[in-house]
N, C-alpha and C. Protein backbone atom coordinates (compact mmCIF):
# COMPACT_ATOMS: atom_id res chain seq x y z
N MET A 1 -47.93 -129.59 48.41
CA MET A 1 -47.77 -130.19 47.11
C MET A 1 -48.90 -129.72 46.22
N SER A 2 -48.60 -129.39 45.01
CA SER A 2 -49.63 -128.94 44.08
C SER A 2 -49.71 -129.89 42.90
N ALA A 3 -50.89 -130.00 42.34
CA ALA A 3 -51.10 -130.86 41.18
C ALA A 3 -50.74 -130.11 39.91
N LEU A 4 -50.24 -130.85 38.94
CA LEU A 4 -49.94 -130.25 37.64
C LEU A 4 -51.18 -130.26 36.77
N ALA A 5 -51.35 -129.24 36.00
CA ALA A 5 -52.46 -129.20 35.06
C ALA A 5 -52.25 -130.25 33.99
N ALA A 6 -53.34 -130.85 33.54
CA ALA A 6 -53.26 -131.86 32.49
C ALA A 6 -52.64 -131.24 31.24
N GLY A 7 -51.64 -131.91 30.70
CA GLY A 7 -50.99 -131.42 29.50
C GLY A 7 -49.97 -130.32 29.76
N GLY A 8 -49.80 -129.94 31.03
CA GLY A 8 -48.84 -128.90 31.37
C GLY A 8 -47.43 -129.43 31.36
N SER A 9 -46.50 -128.54 31.47
CA SER A 9 -45.09 -128.97 31.47
C SER A 9 -44.76 -129.66 32.79
N VAL A 10 -43.88 -130.61 32.71
CA VAL A 10 -43.44 -131.37 33.88
C VAL A 10 -42.14 -130.75 34.38
N PRO A 11 -42.04 -130.49 35.68
CA PRO A 11 -40.81 -129.89 36.19
C PRO A 11 -39.65 -130.90 36.10
N ASP A 12 -38.45 -130.37 35.98
CA ASP A 12 -37.28 -131.23 35.95
C ASP A 12 -37.09 -131.89 37.31
N VAL A 13 -36.77 -133.17 37.28
CA VAL A 13 -36.48 -133.91 38.50
C VAL A 13 -34.96 -133.98 38.61
N LEU A 14 -34.44 -133.61 39.76
CA LEU A 14 -33.00 -133.65 39.98
C LEU A 14 -32.63 -134.98 40.61
N VAL A 15 -31.77 -135.73 39.95
CA VAL A 15 -31.35 -137.05 40.42
C VAL A 15 -29.90 -136.95 40.86
N PRO A 16 -29.60 -137.43 42.07
CA PRO A 16 -28.21 -137.34 42.53
C PRO A 16 -27.30 -138.33 41.80
N ARG A 17 -26.16 -137.83 41.41
CA ARG A 17 -25.08 -138.64 40.84
C ARG A 17 -23.95 -138.57 41.86
N TRP A 18 -23.63 -139.67 42.49
CA TRP A 18 -22.62 -139.68 43.55
C TRP A 18 -21.24 -139.73 42.93
N LEU A 19 -20.49 -138.64 43.07
CA LEU A 19 -19.20 -138.48 42.41
C LEU A 19 -18.10 -138.19 43.42
N THR A 20 -16.92 -138.71 43.14
CA THR A 20 -15.76 -138.42 43.97
C THR A 20 -15.27 -137.00 43.67
N ALA A 21 -14.36 -136.52 44.50
CA ALA A 21 -13.80 -135.18 44.28
C ALA A 21 -13.09 -135.12 42.93
N ASP A 22 -12.36 -136.18 42.57
CA ASP A 22 -11.69 -136.21 41.26
C ASP A 22 -12.70 -136.16 40.12
N ASP A 23 -13.80 -136.92 40.26
CA ASP A 23 -14.84 -136.90 39.24
C ASP A 23 -15.42 -135.50 39.08
N ARG A 24 -15.68 -134.84 40.21
CA ARG A 24 -16.27 -133.50 40.15
C ARG A 24 -15.31 -132.51 39.52
N GLU A 25 -14.03 -132.63 39.82
CA GLU A 25 -13.03 -131.75 39.20
C GLU A 25 -12.94 -131.99 37.70
N GLN A 26 -12.93 -133.27 37.29
CA GLN A 26 -12.88 -133.60 35.87
C GLN A 26 -14.12 -133.07 35.16
N LEU A 27 -15.29 -133.26 35.77
CA LEU A 27 -16.53 -132.79 35.18
C LEU A 27 -16.51 -131.28 35.00
N ALA A 28 -16.09 -130.57 36.02
CA ALA A 28 -16.02 -129.10 35.94
C ALA A 28 -15.07 -128.67 34.83
N ALA A 29 -13.92 -129.33 34.72
CA ALA A 29 -12.94 -128.96 33.69
C ALA A 29 -13.49 -129.21 32.28
N VAL A 30 -14.13 -130.36 32.08
CA VAL A 30 -14.68 -130.68 30.76
C VAL A 30 -15.78 -129.69 30.39
N VAL A 31 -16.65 -129.38 31.34
CA VAL A 31 -17.75 -128.46 31.07
C VAL A 31 -17.20 -127.06 30.79
N ARG A 32 -16.23 -126.60 31.58
CA ARG A 32 -15.64 -125.27 31.33
C ARG A 32 -15.01 -125.20 29.94
N ASP A 33 -14.28 -126.26 29.58
CA ASP A 33 -13.65 -126.28 28.26
C ASP A 33 -14.69 -126.23 27.14
N ALA A 34 -15.78 -126.96 27.32
CA ALA A 34 -16.84 -126.96 26.31
C ALA A 34 -17.49 -125.59 26.21
N LEU A 35 -17.71 -124.94 27.34
CA LEU A 35 -18.33 -123.61 27.32
C LEU A 35 -17.39 -122.56 26.75
N ALA A 36 -16.10 -122.78 26.86
CA ALA A 36 -15.13 -121.83 26.33
C ALA A 36 -15.11 -121.85 24.80
N ASP A 37 -15.45 -122.99 24.21
CA ASP A 37 -15.47 -123.13 22.76
C ASP A 37 -16.90 -122.94 22.27
N THR A 38 -17.28 -121.72 22.01
CA THR A 38 -18.66 -121.39 21.65
C THR A 38 -19.07 -121.91 20.28
N THR A 39 -18.12 -122.37 19.48
CA THR A 39 -18.47 -122.89 18.16
C THR A 39 -18.98 -124.33 18.23
N VAL A 40 -18.71 -125.02 19.34
CA VAL A 40 -19.07 -126.43 19.47
C VAL A 40 -20.40 -126.63 20.20
N VAL A 41 -20.69 -125.80 21.16
CA VAL A 41 -21.84 -126.01 22.04
C VAL A 41 -23.04 -125.17 21.59
N HIS A 42 -24.16 -125.83 21.44
CA HIS A 42 -25.42 -125.16 21.11
C HIS A 42 -25.80 -124.24 22.28
N PRO A 43 -26.39 -123.09 22.02
CA PRO A 43 -26.74 -122.15 23.10
C PRO A 43 -27.62 -122.75 24.20
N VAL A 44 -28.56 -123.60 23.84
CA VAL A 44 -29.41 -124.23 24.86
C VAL A 44 -28.59 -125.20 25.70
N THR A 45 -27.73 -125.95 25.05
CA THR A 45 -26.84 -126.86 25.78
C THR A 45 -25.93 -126.08 26.71
N ALA A 46 -25.48 -124.92 26.27
CA ALA A 46 -24.62 -124.08 27.11
C ALA A 46 -25.32 -123.67 28.40
N VAL A 47 -26.61 -123.40 28.32
CA VAL A 47 -27.38 -123.05 29.52
C VAL A 47 -27.39 -124.23 30.48
N HIS A 48 -27.64 -125.43 29.96
CA HIS A 48 -27.67 -126.62 30.81
C HIS A 48 -26.29 -126.91 31.41
N LEU A 49 -25.25 -126.72 30.63
CA LEU A 49 -23.89 -126.94 31.13
C LEU A 49 -23.53 -125.92 32.21
N SER A 50 -23.98 -124.69 32.05
CA SER A 50 -23.77 -123.68 33.08
C SER A 50 -24.47 -124.08 34.38
N ASP A 51 -25.65 -124.67 34.24
CA ASP A 51 -26.37 -125.15 35.41
C ASP A 51 -25.61 -126.29 36.10
N VAL A 52 -24.91 -127.11 35.32
CA VAL A 52 -24.10 -128.19 35.90
C VAL A 52 -22.97 -127.59 36.74
N LEU A 53 -22.32 -126.55 36.23
CA LEU A 53 -21.26 -125.90 37.01
C LEU A 53 -21.82 -125.32 38.30
N THR A 54 -23.00 -124.74 38.23
CA THR A 54 -23.63 -124.20 39.43
C THR A 54 -23.90 -125.31 40.43
N GLU A 55 -24.43 -126.44 39.96
CA GLU A 55 -24.73 -127.55 40.86
C GLU A 55 -23.47 -128.12 41.50
N LEU A 56 -22.37 -128.13 40.78
CA LEU A 56 -21.12 -128.61 41.38
C LEU A 56 -20.74 -127.73 42.58
N SER A 57 -20.93 -126.44 42.45
CA SER A 57 -20.65 -125.53 43.57
C SER A 57 -21.66 -125.73 44.70
N VAL A 58 -22.91 -125.90 44.32
CA VAL A 58 -23.97 -126.08 45.33
C VAL A 58 -23.76 -127.38 46.09
N ALA A 59 -23.31 -128.44 45.41
CA ALA A 59 -23.08 -129.73 46.08
C ALA A 59 -22.04 -129.58 47.19
N ALA A 60 -20.98 -128.86 46.90
CA ALA A 60 -19.94 -128.64 47.91
C ALA A 60 -20.47 -127.79 49.05
N ALA A 61 -21.22 -126.76 48.73
CA ALA A 61 -21.80 -125.89 49.77
C ALA A 61 -22.80 -126.66 50.61
N ARG A 62 -23.61 -127.48 49.96
CA ARG A 62 -24.61 -128.28 50.68
C ARG A 62 -23.92 -129.19 51.69
N ASP A 63 -22.80 -129.79 51.29
CA ASP A 63 -22.09 -130.68 52.19
C ASP A 63 -21.44 -129.92 53.34
N ALA A 64 -21.02 -128.69 53.09
CA ALA A 64 -20.42 -127.88 54.16
C ALA A 64 -21.47 -127.47 55.19
N VAL A 65 -22.67 -127.20 54.73
CA VAL A 65 -23.74 -126.74 55.63
C VAL A 65 -24.43 -127.93 56.31
N TRP A 66 -24.70 -128.98 55.56
CA TRP A 66 -25.39 -130.16 56.09
C TRP A 66 -24.55 -131.42 55.82
N PRO A 67 -23.45 -131.59 56.52
CA PRO A 67 -22.55 -132.71 56.23
C PRO A 67 -23.11 -134.09 56.57
N ARG A 68 -24.06 -134.15 57.48
CA ARG A 68 -24.55 -135.46 57.93
C ARG A 68 -25.35 -136.21 56.87
N ALA A 69 -26.02 -135.48 56.00
CA ALA A 69 -26.87 -136.13 54.99
C ALA A 69 -26.04 -137.06 54.10
N ALA A 70 -25.00 -136.55 53.49
CA ALA A 70 -24.16 -137.37 52.62
C ALA A 70 -23.32 -138.35 53.43
N ALA A 71 -22.95 -137.97 54.64
CA ALA A 71 -22.14 -138.86 55.48
C ALA A 71 -22.88 -140.15 55.79
N ARG A 72 -24.19 -140.07 56.01
CA ARG A 72 -24.98 -141.29 56.28
C ARG A 72 -24.93 -142.23 55.08
N VAL A 73 -25.08 -141.69 53.90
CA VAL A 73 -25.05 -142.52 52.69
C VAL A 73 -23.67 -143.14 52.51
N ARG A 74 -22.64 -142.33 52.70
CA ARG A 74 -21.27 -142.85 52.55
C ARG A 74 -20.99 -143.96 53.55
N ARG A 75 -21.48 -143.80 54.77
CA ARG A 75 -21.24 -144.80 55.81
C ARG A 75 -21.93 -146.12 55.43
N VAL A 76 -23.14 -146.06 54.95
CA VAL A 76 -23.89 -147.26 54.59
C VAL A 76 -23.29 -147.95 53.36
N THR A 77 -22.86 -147.17 52.38
CA THR A 77 -22.36 -147.74 51.13
C THR A 77 -20.88 -148.09 51.18
N GLY A 78 -20.16 -147.49 52.12
CA GLY A 78 -18.72 -147.72 52.18
C GLY A 78 -17.93 -146.82 51.25
N TRP A 79 -18.58 -145.81 50.68
CA TRP A 79 -17.88 -144.87 49.81
C TRP A 79 -16.95 -143.99 50.61
N GLY A 80 -15.95 -143.42 49.95
CA GLY A 80 -14.98 -142.54 50.58
C GLY A 80 -15.60 -141.22 51.02
N ALA A 81 -14.85 -140.51 51.87
CA ALA A 81 -15.33 -139.25 52.45
C ALA A 81 -15.47 -138.14 51.42
N ASP A 82 -14.87 -138.31 50.24
CA ASP A 82 -14.94 -137.25 49.23
C ASP A 82 -16.11 -137.42 48.26
N VAL A 83 -16.92 -138.44 48.43
CA VAL A 83 -18.05 -138.69 47.53
C VAL A 83 -19.24 -137.81 47.94
N LEU A 84 -19.77 -137.07 46.96
CA LEU A 84 -20.90 -136.18 47.21
C LEU A 84 -21.96 -136.36 46.12
N PRO A 85 -23.23 -136.09 46.46
CA PRO A 85 -24.26 -136.13 45.43
C PRO A 85 -24.29 -134.84 44.62
N VAL A 86 -24.25 -134.99 43.32
CA VAL A 86 -24.39 -133.86 42.40
C VAL A 86 -25.73 -134.08 41.72
N ARG A 87 -26.68 -133.20 41.98
CA ARG A 87 -28.06 -133.38 41.51
C ARG A 87 -28.23 -132.75 40.13
N LEU A 88 -28.53 -133.62 39.16
CA LEU A 88 -28.67 -133.18 37.77
C LEU A 88 -30.03 -133.55 37.21
N SER A 89 -30.57 -132.66 36.40
CA SER A 89 -31.81 -132.97 35.69
C SER A 89 -31.46 -133.84 34.48
N ALA A 90 -32.47 -134.42 33.88
CA ALA A 90 -32.24 -135.23 32.68
C ALA A 90 -31.64 -134.39 31.55
N ARG A 91 -32.06 -133.14 31.45
CA ARG A 91 -31.53 -132.26 30.41
C ARG A 91 -30.06 -131.93 30.66
N GLU A 92 -29.73 -131.66 31.91
CA GLU A 92 -28.33 -131.37 32.25
C GLU A 92 -27.46 -132.59 32.00
N LEU A 93 -27.92 -133.75 32.43
CA LEU A 93 -27.17 -134.98 32.22
C LEU A 93 -26.98 -135.26 30.74
N ALA A 94 -28.03 -135.11 29.96
CA ALA A 94 -27.93 -135.34 28.51
C ALA A 94 -26.93 -134.39 27.88
N SER A 95 -26.91 -133.15 28.33
CA SER A 95 -25.97 -132.16 27.79
C SER A 95 -24.54 -132.56 28.10
N VAL A 96 -24.30 -133.03 29.32
CA VAL A 96 -22.95 -133.46 29.70
C VAL A 96 -22.54 -134.70 28.90
N LEU A 97 -23.46 -135.65 28.76
CA LEU A 97 -23.12 -136.90 28.07
C LEU A 97 -22.85 -136.70 26.58
N THR A 98 -23.24 -135.55 26.01
CA THR A 98 -22.94 -135.28 24.60
C THR A 98 -21.52 -134.77 24.40
N LEU A 99 -20.83 -134.43 25.47
CA LEU A 99 -19.49 -133.86 25.35
C LEU A 99 -18.48 -134.96 25.00
N PRO A 100 -17.82 -134.84 23.86
CA PRO A 100 -16.87 -135.88 23.44
C PRO A 100 -15.65 -135.99 24.35
N ALA A 101 -15.29 -134.93 25.05
CA ALA A 101 -14.10 -134.96 25.90
C ALA A 101 -14.36 -135.59 27.27
N LEU A 102 -15.58 -136.00 27.55
CA LEU A 102 -15.91 -136.60 28.84
C LEU A 102 -15.20 -137.94 28.97
N PRO A 103 -14.37 -138.12 30.01
CA PRO A 103 -13.64 -139.39 30.18
C PRO A 103 -14.62 -140.57 30.35
N PRO A 104 -14.26 -141.73 29.80
CA PRO A 104 -15.16 -142.89 29.85
C PRO A 104 -15.60 -143.28 31.27
N GLY A 105 -14.69 -143.25 32.23
CA GLY A 105 -15.04 -143.62 33.60
C GLY A 105 -16.06 -142.67 34.21
N LEU A 106 -15.88 -141.40 33.93
CA LEU A 106 -16.82 -140.39 34.42
C LEU A 106 -18.16 -140.52 33.70
N ARG A 107 -18.12 -140.81 32.41
CA ARG A 107 -19.35 -141.03 31.64
C ARG A 107 -20.16 -142.18 32.25
N THR A 108 -19.48 -143.25 32.60
CA THR A 108 -20.14 -144.41 33.22
C THR A 108 -20.73 -144.04 34.58
N ALA A 109 -19.97 -143.32 35.38
CA ALA A 109 -20.45 -142.92 36.70
C ALA A 109 -21.68 -142.04 36.59
N LEU A 110 -21.69 -141.13 35.65
CA LEU A 110 -22.84 -140.24 35.46
C LEU A 110 -24.04 -141.00 34.90
N ASP A 111 -23.78 -141.91 34.00
CA ASP A 111 -24.87 -142.65 33.36
C ASP A 111 -25.56 -143.59 34.34
N ARG A 112 -24.81 -144.16 35.28
CA ARG A 112 -25.40 -145.05 36.26
C ARG A 112 -25.97 -144.30 37.46
N GLY A 113 -25.45 -143.13 37.73
CA GLY A 113 -25.95 -142.36 38.86
C GLY A 113 -25.16 -142.55 40.13
N LEU A 114 -24.25 -143.48 40.15
CA LEU A 114 -23.42 -143.67 41.34
C LEU A 114 -22.10 -144.27 40.95
N ARG A 115 -21.18 -144.22 41.88
CA ARG A 115 -19.85 -144.72 41.59
C ARG A 115 -19.49 -145.83 42.53
């Protein structure tokens, strides 16, 4: 572990948002649609949204390689087998929450961090 210099930039902290397979599919579709319309999305926001798409893929890969980690959480919480953690930074989350096409249920799940 290394210390940060005083006044230096703080690294992004990735916080898991536990989403169902349907939630992840909806999120990917909304983000792809937003990125396809370059007149609506600011270039910096587009970078963050691209990172969200990457994390959606990484979440599935992470579960395929290390299935026990999420399985323990699902077993304790009683969540379904399709629930996975999608790790988002505050900037990525803020970028997603600005999308007007984001369904209300998914917006709530992302804003609370779990479903």
